[in-house]
Each structure stands twice: as structure tokens, then as C-alpha cells.
Amino acid sequence: MEPSKPTEGAEQKASMTQVYRVTTPGTTLQESLKEMIDSQQISPFLATDIMSIFDKTIVNVIENKCRNKIQIKGRIIDYRNCESLWTLMVKDANFKDFTSTKTVAYAKIIAFDGKNSSNK
């Protein structure tokens, strides 16, 4: 019997969750889990399960509970799209929401193209 291949939607979802793992909450959770593994408080298997729950939870929250809108203006100096994961490098980026405006010299924006995914 051949091992099954992940579906395209599963691959896209895996790429999307990897983006969230490098956020502050994701890296902090990974560091805490590593410390707990090193001190033998939890097993590596349990840490993997916890990260899986984190992945599912963050995707669910962003898809269903985040309704914030932000306007971004600037000059795109580089962009890439790989497996519906967009990376944009923006110069003189201006971020505006309902209450404030922030301008930065350079911004790296990573976005997942959810409309092309089959994970909804």
C-alpha cells in the first residue's frame, strides 16, 4: 500500500500555519514547550499535539473572529507568491485603520490567499 499524499488544501493550510508559528505568540509557545521538554515536564509528543491545537485555533480565530480592516499604501519593491502564500516588500508603507495611522520605511507583509484555498 502506498502512503497517501496530502491534498493541495492540506499543503496550503500547512503553509499558512507555518506563518503563524513565527509570530510572537507562536515562537513564545514553541520556546515554552521546548523548556518543558528539556526539563522533562512534558513529552515531545505532547508538545507536537499542543502546536497542532495552536495551529487549528489561530486559523479558526483569524477566519471567524477577525473583522478588522486596514488600509495599506506604499511602493511594492518585491513580491512573491508560492502556494497561495504572498510575500510583499513595501517601501514607505502607510498603515491606516479606524483610529490611527503609522508609516514605516520598509514593511514585509505575508498574506495567505484564502479565496483560492479549498480549506474553507
PDB file of N, CA and C in Angstrom:
ATOM      1  N   MET A   1       0.841  -1.176   0.000  1.00  0.00           N
ATOM      2  CA  MET A   1       0.000   0.000   0.000  1.00  0.00           C
ATOM      3  C   MET A   1       0.891   1.246   0.000  1.00  0.00           C
ATOM      4  N   GLU A   2       0.589   2.192  -0.897  1.00  0.00           N
ATOM      5  CA  GLU A   2       1.374   3.421  -0.978  1.00  0.00           C
ATOM      6  C   GLU A   2       0.915   4.409   0.086  1.00  0.00           C
ATOM      7  N   PRO A   3       1.873   5.200   0.626  1.00  0.00           N
ATOM      8  CA  PRO A   3       1.460   6.230   1.579  1.00  0.00           C
ATOM      9  C   PRO A   3       0.634   7.287   0.867  1.00  0.00           C
ATOM     10  N   SER A   4      -0.351   7.814   1.555  1.00  0.00           N
ATOM     11  CA  SER A   4      -1.204   8.824   0.930  1.00  0.00           C
ATOM     12  C   SER A   4      -0.482  10.160   0.871  1.00  0.00           C
ATOM     13  N   LYS A   5      -0.785  10.896  -0.182  1.00  0.00           N
ATOM     14  CA  LYS A   5      -0.209  12.225  -0.348  1.00  0.00           C
ATOM     15  C   LYS A   5      -1.170  13.241   0.242  1.00  0.00           C
ATOM     16  N   PRO A   6      -0.632  14.318   0.839  1.00  0.00           N
ATOM     17  CA  PRO A   6      -1.538  15.344   1.343  1.00  0.00           C
ATOM     18  C   PRO A   6      -2.234  16.047   0.182  1.00  0.00           C
ATOM     19  N   THR A   7      -3.457  16.457   0.407  1.00  0.00           N
ATOM     20  CA  THR A   7      -4.189  17.179  -0.622  1.00  0.00           C
ATOM     21  C   THR A   7      -3.622  18.574  -0.772  1.00  0.00           C
ATOM     22  N   GLU A   8      -3.968  19.234  -1.881  1.00  0.00           N
ATOM     23  CA  GLU A   8      -3.485  20.597  -2.102  1.00  0.00           C
ATOM     24  C   GLU A   8      -3.958  21.522  -0.988  1.00  0.00           C
ATOM     25  N   GLY A   9      -5.202  21.356  -0.546  1.00  0.00           N
ATOM     26  CA  GLY A   9      -5.720  22.178   0.541  1.00  0.00           C
ATOM     27  C   GLY A   9      -4.947  21.973   1.829  1.00  0.00           C
ATOM     28  N   ALA A  10      -4.562  20.732   2.097  1.00  0.00           N
ATOM     29  CA  ALA A  10      -3.779  20.434   3.300  1.00  0.00           C
ATOM     30  C   ALA A  10      -2.404  21.078   3.217  1.00  0.00           C
ATOM     31  N   GLU A  11      -1.788  21.050   2.031  1.00  0.00           N
ATOM     32  CA  GLU A  11      -0.478  21.684   1.864  1.00  0.00           C
ATOM     33  C   GLU A  11      -0.582  23.191   2.063  1.00  0.00           C
ATOM     34  N   GLN A  12      -1.642  23.807   1.517  1.00  0.00           N
ATOM     35  CA  GLN A  12      -1.826  25.245   1.686  1.00  0.00           C
ATOM     36  C   GLN A  12      -2.063  25.593   3.146  1.00  0.00           C
ATOM     37  N   LYS A  13      -2.848  24.784   3.835  1.00  0.00           N
ATOM     38  CA  LYS A  13      -3.116  25.041   5.247  1.00  0.00           C
ATOM     39  C   LYS A  13      -1.837  24.895   6.064  1.00  0.00           C
ATOM     40  N   ALA A  14      -0.993  23.917   5.711  1.00  0.00           N
ATOM     41  CA  ALA A  14       0.285  23.739   6.406  1.00  0.00           C
ATOM     42  C   ALA A  14       1.169  24.958   6.198  1.00  0.00           C
ATOM     43  N   SER A  15       1.208  25.498   4.984  1.00  0.00           N
ATOM     44  CA  SER A  15       1.992  26.707   4.725  1.00  0.00           C
ATOM     45  C   SER A  15       1.466  27.871   5.544  1.00  0.00           C
ATOM     46  N   MET A  16       0.143  27.973   5.617  1.00  0.00           N
ATOM     47  CA  MET A  16      -0.467  29.068   6.360  1.00  0.00           C
ATOM     48  C   MET A  16      -0.126  28.971   7.844  1.00  0.00           C
ATOM     49  N   THR A  17      -0.176  27.777   8.413  1.00  0.00           N
ATOM     50  CA  THR A  17       0.107  27.653   9.839  1.00  0.00           C
ATOM     51  C   THR A  17       1.572  27.915  10.145  1.00  0.00           C
ATOM     52  N   GLN A  18       2.469  27.629   9.210  1.00  0.00           N
ATOM     53  CA  GLN A  18       3.883  27.919   9.432  1.00  0.00           C
ATOM     54  C   GLN A  18       4.099  29.423   9.586  1.00  0.00           C
ATOM     55  N   VAL A  19       3.321  30.225   8.883  1.00  0.00           N
ATOM     56  CA  VAL A  19       3.416  31.683   9.022  1.00  0.00           C
ATOM     57  C   VAL A  19       3.055  32.095  10.443  1.00  0.00           C
ATOM     58  N   TYR A  20       2.008  31.510  10.999  1.00  0.00           N
ATOM     59  CA  TYR A  20       1.572  31.879  12.340  1.00  0.00           C
ATOM     60  C   TYR A  20       2.528  31.400  13.419  1.00  0.00           C
ATOM     61  N   ARG A  21       3.268  30.353  13.142  1.00  0.00           N
ATOM     62  CA  ARG A  21       4.227  29.851  14.132  1.00  0.00           C
ATOM     63  C   ARG A  21       5.407  30.802  14.337  1.00  0.00           C
ATOM     64  N   VAL A  22       5.688  31.681  13.387  1.00  0.00           N
ATOM     65  CA  VAL A  22       6.798  32.627  13.565  1.00  0.00           C
ATOM     66  C   VAL A  22       6.327  33.964  14.126  1.00  0.00           C
ATOM     67  N   THR A  23       5.047  34.063  14.503  1.00  0.00           N
ATOM     68  CA  THR A  23       4.563  35.256  15.183  1.00  0.00           C
ATOM     69  C   THR A  23       5.024  35.210  16.641  1.00  0.00           C
ATOM     70  N   THR A  24       4.862  36.302  17.353  1.00  0.00           N
ATOM     71  CA  THR A  24       5.262  36.341  18.761  1.00  0.00           C
ATOM     72  C   THR A  24       4.568  35.255  19.587  1.00  0.00           C
ATOM     73  N   PRO A  25       3.236  35.090  19.481  1.00  0.00           N
ATOM     74  CA  PRO A  25       2.621  34.003  20.262  1.00  0.00           C
ATOM     75  C   PRO A  25       3.142  32.621  19.862  1.00  0.00           C
ATOM     76  N   GLY A  26       3.353  32.400  18.573  1.00  0.00           N
ATOM     77  CA  GLY A  26       3.838  31.099  18.113  1.00  0.00           C
ATOM     78  C   GLY A  26       5.236  30.785  18.596  1.00  0.00           C
ATOM     79  N   THR A  27       6.157  31.743  18.470  1.00  0.00           N
ATOM     80  CA  THR A  27       7.537  31.489  18.906  1.00  0.00           C
ATOM     81  C   THR A  27       7.614  31.373  20.424  1.00  0.00           C
ATOM     82  N   THR A  28       6.831  32.177  21.131  1.00  0.00           N
ATOM     83  CA  THR A  28       6.822  32.095  22.594  1.00  0.00           C
ATOM     84  C   THR A  28       6.311  30.731  23.053  1.00  0.00           C
ATOM     85  N   LEU A  29       5.251  30.254  22.417  1.00  0.00           N
ATOM     86  CA  LEU A  29       4.726  28.932  22.762  1.00  0.00           C
ATOM     87  C   LEU A  29       5.764  27.848  22.477  1.00  0.00           C
ATOM     88  N   GLN A  30       6.409  27.911  21.315  1.00  0.00           N
ATOM     89  CA  GLN A  30       7.426  26.908  20.974  1.00  0.00           C
ATOM     90  C   GLN A  30       8.591  26.920  21.966  1.00  0.00           C
ATOM     91  N   GLU A  31       9.033  28.125  22.364  1.00  0.00           N
ATOM     92  CA  GLU A  31      10.130  28.229  23.339  1.00  0.00           C
ATOM     93  C   GLU A  31       9.713  27.640  24.688  1.00  0.00           C
ATOM     94  N   SER A  32       8.490  27.942  25.109  1.00  0.00           N
ATOM     95  CA  SER A  32       8.000  27.410  26.387  1.00  0.00           C
ATOM     96  C   SER A  32       7.898  25.889  26.350  1.00  0.00           C
ATOM     97  N   LEU A  33       7.394  25.372  25.241  1.00  0.00           N
ATOM     98  CA  LEU A  33       7.287  23.913  25.111  1.00  0.00           C
ATOM     99  C   LEU A  33       8.661  23.261  25.109  1.00  0.00           C
ATOM    100  N   LYS A  34       9.636  23.893  24.448  1.00  0.00           N
ATOM    101  CA  LYS A  34      10.999  23.347  24.426  1.00  0.00           C
ATOM    102  C   LYS A  34      11.580  23.298  25.838  1.00  0.00           C
ATOM    103  N   GLU A  35      11.373  24.371  26.613  1.00  0.00           N
ATOM    104  CA  GLU A  35      11.847  24.385  28.000  1.00  0.00           C
ATOM    105  C   GLU A  35      11.194  23.262  28.810  1.00  0.00           C
ATOM    106  N   MET A  36       9.901  23.047  28.586  1.00  0.00           N
ATOM    107  CA  MET A  36       9.194  21.997  29.323  1.00  0.00           C
ATOM    108  C   MET A  36       9.666  20.602  28.911  1.00  0.00           C
ATOM    109  N   ILE A  37       9.998  20.437  27.632  1.00  0.00           N
ATOM    110  CA  ILE A  37      10.551  19.153  27.171  1.00  0.00           C
ATOM    111  C   ILE A  37      11.926  18.940  27.790  1.00  0.00           C
ATOM    112  N   ASP A  38      12.769  19.993  27.755  1.00  0.00           N
ATOM    113  CA  ASP A  38      14.125  19.890  28.303  1.00  0.00           C
ATOM    114  C   ASP A  38      14.127  19.558  29.792  1.00  0.00           C
ATOM    115  N   SER A  39      13.140  20.079  30.516  1.00  0.00           N
ATOM    116  CA  SER A  39      13.055  19.790  31.954  1.00  0.00           C
ATOM    117  C   SER A  39      12.193  18.552  32.235  1.00  0.00           C
ATOM    118  N   GLN A  40      11.828  17.848  31.183  1.00  0.00           N
ATOM    119  CA  GLN A  40      11.063  16.602  31.253  1.00  0.00           C
ATOM    120  C   GLN A  40       9.700  16.762  31.932  1.00  0.00           C
ATOM    121  N   GLN A  41       9.101  17.942  31.775  1.00  0.00           N
ATOM    122  CA  GLN A  41       7.755  18.159  32.297  1.00  0.00           C
ATOM    123  C   GLN A  41       6.695  17.623  31.338  1.00  0.00           C
ATOM    124  N   ILE A  42       7.005  17.649  30.030  1.00  0.00           N
ATOM    125  CA  ILE A  42       6.098  17.096  29.025  1.00  0.00           C
ATOM    126  C   ILE A  42       6.915  16.299  28.011  1.00  0.00           C
ATOM    127  N   SER A  43       6.229  15.460  27.257  1.00  0.00           N
ATOM    128  CA  SER A  43       6.906  14.672  26.216  1.00  0.00           C
ATOM    129  C   SER A  43       6.909  15.457  24.900  1.00  0.00           C
ATOM    130  N   PRO A  44       7.841  15.158  24.002  1.00  0.00           N
ATOM    131  CA  PRO A  44       7.825  15.794  22.679  1.00  0.00           C
ATOM    132  C   PRO A  44       6.511  15.529  21.935  1.00  0.00           C
ATOM    133  N   PHE A  45       5.926  14.357  22.150  1.00  0.00           N
ATOM    134  CA  PHE A  45       4.647  14.026  21.523  1.00  0.00           C
ATOM    135  C   PHE A  45       3.552  14.994  21.970  1.00  0.00           C
ATOM    136  N   LEU A  46       3.501  15.290  23.273  1.00  0.00           N
ATOM    137  CA  LEU A  46       2.508  16.230  23.792  1.00  0.00           C
ATOM    138  C   LEU A  46       2.752  17.627  23.232  1.00  0.00           C
ATOM    139  N   ALA A  47       4.009  18.034  23.124  1.00  0.00           N
ATOM    140  CA  ALA A  47       4.339  19.347  22.557  1.00  0.00           C
ATOM    141  C   ALA A  47       3.857  19.453  21.113  1.00  0.00           C
ATOM    142  N   THR A  48       4.008  18.373  20.358  1.00  0.00           N
ATOM    143  CA  THR A  48       3.524  18.355  18.972  1.00  0.00           C
ATOM    144  C   THR A  48       2.008  18.501  18.934  1.00  0.00           C
ATOM    145  N   ASP A  49       1.319  17.813  19.829  1.00  0.00           N
ATOM    146  CA  ASP A  49      -0.138  17.939  19.913  1.00  0.00           C
ATOM    147  C   ASP A  49      -0.552  19.365  20.264  1.00  0.00           C
ATOM    148  N   ILE A  50       0.161  19.986  21.188  1.00  0.00           N
ATOM    149  CA  ILE A  50      -0.153  21.360  21.594  1.00  0.00           C
ATOM    150  C   ILE A  50       0.040  22.313  20.420  1.00  0.00           C
ATOM    151  N   MET A  51       1.121  22.139  19.651  1.00  0.00           N
ATOM    152  CA  MET A  51       1.349  23.004  18.487  1.00  0.00           C
ATOM    153  C   MET A  51       0.264  22.791  17.433  1.00  0.00           C
ATOM    154  N   SER A  52      -0.214  21.572  17.293  1.00  0.00           N
ATOM    155  CA  SER A  52      -1.298  21.288  16.353  1.00  0.00           C
ATOM    156  C   SER A  52      -2.580  22.008  16.777  1.00  0.00           C
ATOM    157  N   ILE A  53      -2.860  21.999  18.071  1.00  0.00           N
ATOM    158  CA  ILE A  53      -4.028  22.719  18.598  1.00  0.00           C
ATOM    159  C   ILE A  53      -3.859  24.217  18.376  1.00  0.00           C
ATOM    160  N   PHE A  54      -2.648  24.739  18.605  1.00  0.00           N
ATOM    161  CA  PHE A  54      -2.360  26.152  18.347  1.00  0.00           C
ATOM    162  C   PHE A  54      -2.656  26.485  16.884  1.00  0.00           C
ATOM    163  N   ASP A  55      -2.164  25.645  15.962  1.00  0.00           N
ATOM    164  CA  ASP A  55      -2.376  25.879  14.531  1.00  0.00           C
ATOM    165  C   ASP A  55      -3.861  25.973  14.200  1.00  0.00           C
ATOM    166  N   LYS A  56      -4.637  24.996  14.666  1.00  0.00           N
ATOM    167  CA  LYS A  56      -6.071  24.971  14.373  1.00  0.00           C
ATOM    168  C   LYS A  56      -6.783  26.169  14.998  1.00  0.00           C
ATOM    169  N   THR A  57      -6.403  26.511  16.213  1.00  0.00           N
ATOM    170  CA  THR A  57      -7.061  27.606  16.922  1.00  0.00           C
ATOM    171  C   THR A  57      -6.790  28.943  16.265  1.00  0.00           C
ATOM    172  N   ILE A  58      -5.539  29.211  15.903  1.00  0.00           N
ATOM    173  CA  ILE A  58      -5.214  30.516  15.324  1.00  0.00           C
ATOM    174  C   ILE A  58      -5.876  30.690  13.964  1.00  0.00           C
ATOM    175  N   VAL A  59      -5.919  29.619  13.175  1.00  0.00           N
ATOM    176  CA  VAL A  59      -6.592  29.691  11.873  1.00  0.00           C
ATOM    177  C   VAL A  59      -8.083  29.945  12.080  1.00  0.00           C
ATOM    178  N   ASN A  60      -8.708  29.251  13.028  1.00  0.00           N
ATOM    179  CA  ASN A  60     -10.127  29.431  13.310  1.00  0.00           C
ATOM    180  C   ASN A  60     -10.429  30.857  13.764  1.00  0.00           C
ATOM    181  N   VAL A  61      -9.628  31.384  14.663  1.00  0.00           N
ATOM    182  CA  VAL A  61      -9.859  32.741  15.174  1.00  0.00           C
ATOM    183  C   VAL A  61      -9.734  33.763  14.050  1.00  0.00           C
ATOM    184  N   ILE A  62      -8.693  33.637  13.245  1.00  0.00           N
ATOM    185  CA  ILE A  62      -8.493  34.616  12.171  1.00  0.00           C
ATOM    186  C   ILE A  62      -9.597  34.509  11.126  1.00  0.00           C
ATOM    187  N   GLU A  63     -10.001  33.302  10.776  1.00  0.00           N
ATOM    188  CA  GLU A  63     -11.050  33.132   9.768  1.00  0.00           C
ATOM    189  C   GLU A  63     -12.421  33.584  10.262  1.00  0.00           C
ATOM    190  N   ASN A  64     -12.722  33.380  11.535  1.00  0.00           N
ATOM    191  CA  ASN A  64     -14.085  33.589  12.014  1.00  0.00           C
ATOM    192  C   ASN A  64     -14.299  34.786  12.927  1.00  0.00           C
ATOM    193  N   LYS A  65     -13.259  35.296  13.550  1.00  0.00           N
ATOM    194  CA  LYS A  65     -13.475  36.347  14.534  1.00  0.00           C
ATOM    195  C   LYS A  65     -12.813  37.676  14.200  1.00  0.00           C
ATOM    196  N   CYS A  66     -11.820  37.680  13.341  1.00  0.00           N
ATOM    197  CA  CYS A  66     -11.139  38.931  13.000  1.00  0.00           C
ATOM    198  C   CYS A  66     -11.887  39.632  11.880  1.00  0.00           C
ATOM    199  N   ARG A  67     -12.378  40.793  12.165  1.00  0.00           N
ATOM    200  CA  ARG A  67     -13.102  41.576  11.168  1.00  0.00           C
ATOM    201  C   ARG A  67     -12.472  42.958  10.991  1.00  0.00           C
ATOM    202  N   ASN A  68     -11.283  43.142  11.521  1.00  0.00           N
ATOM    203  CA  ASN A  68     -10.617  44.430  11.408  1.00  0.00           C
ATOM    204  C   ASN A  68     -10.216  44.679   9.969  1.00  0.00           C
ATOM    205  N   LYS A  69     -10.298  45.924   9.565  1.00  0.00           N
ATOM    206  CA  LYS A  69      -9.868  46.311   8.232  1.00  0.00           C
ATOM    207  C   LYS A  69      -8.748  47.319   8.382  1.00  0.00           C
ATOM    208  N   ILE A  70      -7.793  47.224   7.479  1.00  0.00           N
ATOM    209  CA  ILE A  70      -6.666  48.145   7.490  1.00  0.00           C
ATOM    210  C   ILE A  70      -6.363  48.527   6.050  1.00  0.00           C
ATOM    211  N   GLN A  71      -5.981  49.774   5.859  1.00  0.00           N
ATOM    212  CA  GLN A  71      -5.613  50.257   4.533  1.00  0.00           C
ATOM    213  C   GLN A  71      -4.095  50.396   4.501  1.00  0.00           C
ATOM    214  N   ILE A  72      -3.478  49.846   3.468  1.00  0.00           N
ATOM    215  CA  ILE A  72      -2.025  49.904   3.328  1.00  0.00           C
ATOM    216  C   ILE A  72      -1.694  50.604   2.021  1.00  0.00           C
ATOM    217  N   LYS A  73      -0.844  51.621   2.118  1.00  0.00           N
ATOM    218  CA  LYS A  73      -0.360  52.312   0.923  1.00  0.00           C
ATOM    219  C   LYS A  73       1.154  52.325   0.970  1.00  0.00           C
ATOM    220  N   GLY A  74       1.759  52.219  -0.182  1.00  0.00           N
ATOM    221  CA  GLY A  74       3.211  52.241  -0.268  1.00  0.00           C
ATOM    222  C   GLY A  74       3.647  51.778  -1.643  1.00  0.00           C
ATOM    223  N   ARG A  75       4.955  51.656  -1.813  1.00  0.00           N
ATOM    224  CA  ARG A  75       5.511  51.220  -3.094  1.00  0.00           C
ATOM    225  C   ARG A  75       6.003  49.784  -2.953  1.00  0.00           C
ATOM    226  N   ILE A  76       5.410  48.876  -3.707  1.00  0.00           N
ATOM    227  CA  ILE A  76       5.840  47.477  -3.667  1.00  0.00           C
ATOM    228  C   ILE A  76       7.154  47.371  -4.425  1.00  0.00           C
ATOM    229  N   ILE A  77       8.205  46.928  -3.712  1.00  0.00           N
ATOM    230  CA  ILE A  77       9.513  46.794  -4.354  1.00  0.00           C
ATOM    231  C   ILE A  77       9.843  45.345  -4.688  1.00  0.00           C
ATOM    232  N   ASP A  78       9.112  44.402  -4.107  1.00  0.00           N
ATOM    233  CA  ASP A  78       9.311  42.990  -4.414  1.00  0.00           C
ATOM    234  C   ASP A  78       8.082  42.217  -3.954  1.00  0.00           C
ATOM    235  N   TYR A  79       7.731  41.177  -4.690  1.00  0.00           N
ATOM    236  CA  TYR A  79       6.619  40.325  -4.272  1.00  0.00           C
ATOM    237  C   TYR A  79       6.838  38.911  -4.773  1.00  0.00           C
ATOM    238  N   ARG A  80       6.255  37.967  -4.049  1.00  0.00           N
ATOM    239  CA  ARG A  80       6.329  36.550  -4.409  1.00  0.00           C
ATOM    240  C   ARG A  80       5.017  35.880  -4.025  1.00  0.00           C
ATOM    241  N   ASN A  81       4.662  34.850  -4.781  1.00  0.00           N
ATOM    242  CA  ASN A  81       3.509  34.026  -4.444  1.00  0.00           C
ATOM    243  C   ASN A  81       3.925  32.574  -4.599  1.00  0.00           C
ATOM    244  N   CYS A  82       3.891  31.853  -3.503  1.00  0.00           N
ATOM    245  CA  CYS A  82       4.239  30.432  -3.520  1.00  0.00           C
ATOM    246  C   CYS A  82       3.157  29.672  -2.761  1.00  0.00           C
ATOM    247  N   GLU A  83       2.434  28.817  -3.459  1.00  0.00           N
ATOM    248  CA  GLU A  83       1.370  28.020  -2.848  1.00  0.00           C
ATOM    249  C   GLU A  83       0.355  28.894  -2.109  1.00  0.00           C
ATOM    250  N   SER A  84      -0.096  29.961  -2.763  1.00  0.00           N
ATOM    251  CA  SER A  84      -1.088  30.904  -2.224  1.00  0.00           C
ATOM    252  C   SER A  84      -0.599  31.671  -1.003  1.00  0.00           C
ATOM    253  N   LEU A  85       0.706  31.695  -0.777  1.00  0.00           N
ATOM    254  CA  LEU A  85       1.289  32.470   0.311  1.00  0.00           C
ATOM    255  C   LEU A  85       2.038  33.645  -0.317  1.00  0.00           C
ATOM    256  N   TRP A  86       1.516  34.846  -0.111  1.00  0.00           N
ATOM    257  CA  TRP A  86       2.094  36.051  -0.691  1.00  0.00           C
ATOM    258  C   TRP A  86       3.090  36.684   0.272  1.00  0.00           C
ATOM    259  N   THR A  87       4.221  37.124  -0.274  1.00  0.00           N
ATOM    260  CA  THR A  87       5.199  37.903   0.476  1.00  0.00           C
ATOM    261  C   THR A  87       5.411  39.199  -0.293  1.00  0.00           C
ATOM    262  N   LEU A  88       5.137  40.323   0.355  1.00  0.00           N
ATOM    263  CA  LEU A  88       5.274  41.633  -0.272  1.00  0.00           C
ATOM    264  C   LEU A  88       6.279  42.470   0.509  1.00  0.00           C
ATOM    265  N   MET A  89       7.210  43.089  -0.188  1.00  0.00           N
ATOM    266  CA  MET A  89       8.129  44.046   0.423  1.00  0.00           C
ATOM    267  C   MET A  89       7.666  45.435  -0.015  1.00  0.00           C
ATOM    268  N   VAL A  90       7.333  46.276   0.960  1.00  0.00           N
ATOM    269  CA  VAL A  90       6.749  47.582   0.673  1.00  0.00           C
ATOM    270  C   VAL A  90       7.643  48.679   1.239  1.00  0.00           C
ATOM    271  N   LYS A  91       7.937  49.673   0.408  1.00  0.00           N
ATOM    272  CA  LYS A  91       8.740  50.824   0.836  1.00  0.00           C
ATOM    273  C   LYS A  91       7.788  51.970   1.175  1.00  0.00           C
ATOM    274  N   ASP A  92       8.139  52.746   2.200  1.00  0.00           N
ATOM    275  CA  ASP A  92       7.314  53.870   2.666  1.00  0.00           C
ATOM    276  C   ASP A  92       5.865  53.425   2.880  1.00  0.00           C
ATOM    277  N   ALA A  93       5.711  52.377   3.657  1.00  0.00           N
ATOM    278  CA  ALA A  93       4.391  51.787   3.896  1.00  0.00           C
ATOM    279  C   ALA A  93       3.614  52.606   4.916  1.00  0.00           C
ATOM    280  N   ASN A  94       2.379  52.916   4.573  1.00  0.00           N
ATOM    281  CA  ASN A  94       1.483  53.661   5.440  1.00  0.00           C
ATOM    282  C   ASN A  94       0.320  52.745   5.804  1.00  0.00           C
ATOM    283  N   PHE A  95       0.176  52.462   7.105  1.00  0.00           N
ATOM    284  CA  PHE A  95      -0.887  51.596   7.603  1.00  0.00           C
ATOM    285  C   PHE A  95      -1.926  52.468   8.294  1.00  0.00           C
ATOM    286  N   LYS A  96      -3.185  52.324   7.891  1.00  0.00           N
ATOM    287  CA  LYS A  96      -4.243  53.149   8.459  1.00  0.00           C
ATOM    288  C   LYS A  96      -5.429  52.267   8.827  1.00  0.00           C
ATOM    289  N   ASP A  97      -5.896  52.421  10.085  1.00  0.00           N
ATOM    290  CA  ASP A  97      -7.124  51.750  10.491  1.00  0.00           C
ATOM    291  C   ASP A  97      -8.117  52.815  10.934  1.00  0.00           C
ATOM    292  N   PHE A  98      -9.129  52.429  11.680  1.00  0.00           N
ATOM    293  CA  PHE A  98     -10.165  53.379  12.074  1.00  0.00           C
ATOM    294  C   PHE A  98      -9.666  54.441  13.043  1.00  0.00           C
ATOM    295  N   THR A  99      -8.626  54.135  13.808  1.00  0.00           N
ATOM    296  CA  THR A  99      -8.215  55.057  14.863  1.00  0.00           C
ATOM    297  C   THR A  99      -6.837  55.670  14.690  1.00  0.00           C
ATOM    298  N   SER A 100      -5.967  55.074  13.885  1.00  0.00           N
ATOM    299  CA  SER A 100      -4.604  55.603  13.818  1.00  0.00           C
ATOM    300  C   SER A 100      -3.951  55.332  12.467  1.00  0.00           C
ATOM    301  N   THR A 101      -2.814  56.011  12.271  1.00  0.00           N
ATOM    302  CA  THR A 101      -2.010  55.854  11.065  1.00  0.00           C
ATOM    303  C   THR A 101      -0.564  55.684  11.483  1.00  0.00           C
ATOM    304  N   LYS A 102       0.130  54.775  10.823  1.00  0.00           N
ATOM    305  CA  LYS A 102       1.549  54.530  11.110  1.00  0.00           C
ATOM    306  C   LYS A 102       2.282  54.383   9.788  1.00  0.00           C
ATOM    307  N   THR A 103       3.408  55.083   9.650  1.00  0.00           N
ATOM    308  CA  THR A 103       4.237  54.986   8.458  1.00  0.00           C
ATOM    309  C   THR A 103       5.591  54.410   8.849  1.00  0.00           C
ATOM    310  N   VAL A 104       6.070  53.452   8.054  1.00  0.00           N
ATOM    311  CA  VAL A 104       7.379  52.846   8.277  1.00  0.00           C
ATOM    312  C   VAL A 104       8.153  52.873   6.965  1.00  0.00           C
ATOM    313  N   ALA A 105       9.481  52.882   7.079  1.00  0.00           N
ATOM    314  CA  ALA A 105      10.327  52.945   5.886  1.00  0.00           C
ATOM    315  C   ALA A 105      10.166  51.693   5.028  1.00  0.00           C
ATOM    316  N   TYR A 106      10.179  50.523   5.658  1.00  0.00           N
ATOM    317  CA  TYR A 106      10.024  49.258   4.940  1.00  0.00           C
ATOM    318  C   TYR A 106       9.110  48.338   5.732  1.00  0.00           C
ATOM    319  N   ALA A 107       8.313  47.566   5.015  1.00  0.00           N
ATOM    320  CA  ALA A 107       7.442  46.579   5.659  1.00  0.00           C
ATOM    321  C   ALA A 107       7.461  45.294   4.844  1.00  0.00           C
ATOM    322  N   LYS A 108       7.469  44.187   5.554  1.00  0.00           N
ATOM    323  CA  LYS A 108       7.335  42.875   4.915  1.00  0.00           C
ATOM    324  C   LYS A 108       5.957  42.354   5.291  1.00  0.00           C
ATOM    325  N   ILE A 109       5.137  42.133   4.293  1.00  0.00           N
ATOM    326  CA  ILE A 109       3.772  41.673   4.516  1.00  0.00           C
ATOM    327  C   ILE A 109       3.665  40.242   4.005  1.00  0.00           C
ATOM    328  N   ILE A 110       3.174  39.361   4.860  1.00  0.00           N
ATOM    329  CA  ILE A 110       2.948  37.970   4.479  1.00  0.00           C
ATOM    330  C   ILE A 110       1.451  37.723   4.586  1.00  0.00           C
ATOM    331  N   ALA A 111       0.857  37.266   3.487  1.00  0.00           N
ATOM    332  CA  ALA A 111      -0.591  37.062   3.454  1.00  0.00           C
ATOM    333  C   ALA A 111      -0.920  35.743   2.776  1.00  0.00           C
ATOM    334  N   PHE A 112      -1.957  35.085   3.268  1.00  0.00           N
ATOM    335  CA  PHE A 112      -2.427  33.832   2.696  1.00  0.00           C
ATOM    336  C   PHE A 112      -3.640  34.122   1.842  1.00  0.00           C
ATOM    337  N   ASP A 113      -3.635  33.650   0.607  1.00  0.00           N
ATOM    338  CA  ASP A 113      -4.740  33.857  -0.321  1.00  0.00           C
ATOM    339  C   ASP A 113      -5.824  32.831  -0.039  1.00  0.00           C
ATOM    340  N   GLY A 114      -6.709  33.150   0.894  1.00  0.00           N
ATOM    341  CA  GLY A 114      -7.729  32.214   1.329  1.00  0.00           C
ATOM    342  C   GLY A 114      -8.783  31.912   0.290  1.00  0.00           C
ATOM    343  N   LYS A 115      -9.037  32.823  -0.652  1.00  0.00           N
ATOM    344  CA  LYS A 115     -10.095  32.576  -1.628  1.00  0.00           C
ATOM    345  C   LYS A 115      -9.738  31.467  -2.608  1.00  0.00           C
ATOM    346  N   ASN A 116      -8.450  31.165  -2.771  1.00  0.00           N
ATOM    347  CA  ASN A 116      -8.038  30.095  -3.676  1.00  0.00           C
ATOM    348  C   ASN A 116      -7.825  28.777  -2.962  1.00  0.00           C
ATOM    349  N   SER A 117      -8.070  28.741  -1.675  1.00  0.00           N
ATOM    350  CA  SER A 117      -7.820  27.501  -0.930  1.00  0.00           C
ATOM    351  C   SER A 117      -9.089  26.673  -0.869  1.00  0.00           C
ATOM    352  N   SER A 118      -8.907  25.403  -0.648  1.00  0.00           N
ATOM    353  CA  SER A 118     -10.055  24.503  -0.519  1.00  0.00           C
ATOM    354  C   SER A 118     -10.286  24.119   0.933  1.00  0.00           C
ATOM    355  N   ASN A 119      -9.745  24.932   1.875  1.00  0.00           N
ATOM    356  CA  ASN A 119      -9.829  24.568   3.287  1.00  0.00           C
ATOM    357  C   ASN A 119     -10.968  25.256   4.014  1.00  0.00           C
ATOM    358  N   LYS A 120     -11.860  25.917   3.321  1.00  0.00           N
ATOM    359  CA  LYS A 120     -12.968  26.591   3.993  1.00  0.00           C
ATOM    360  C   LYS A 120     -14.184  25.725   4.029  1.00  0.00           C
TER     361      LYS A 120
END
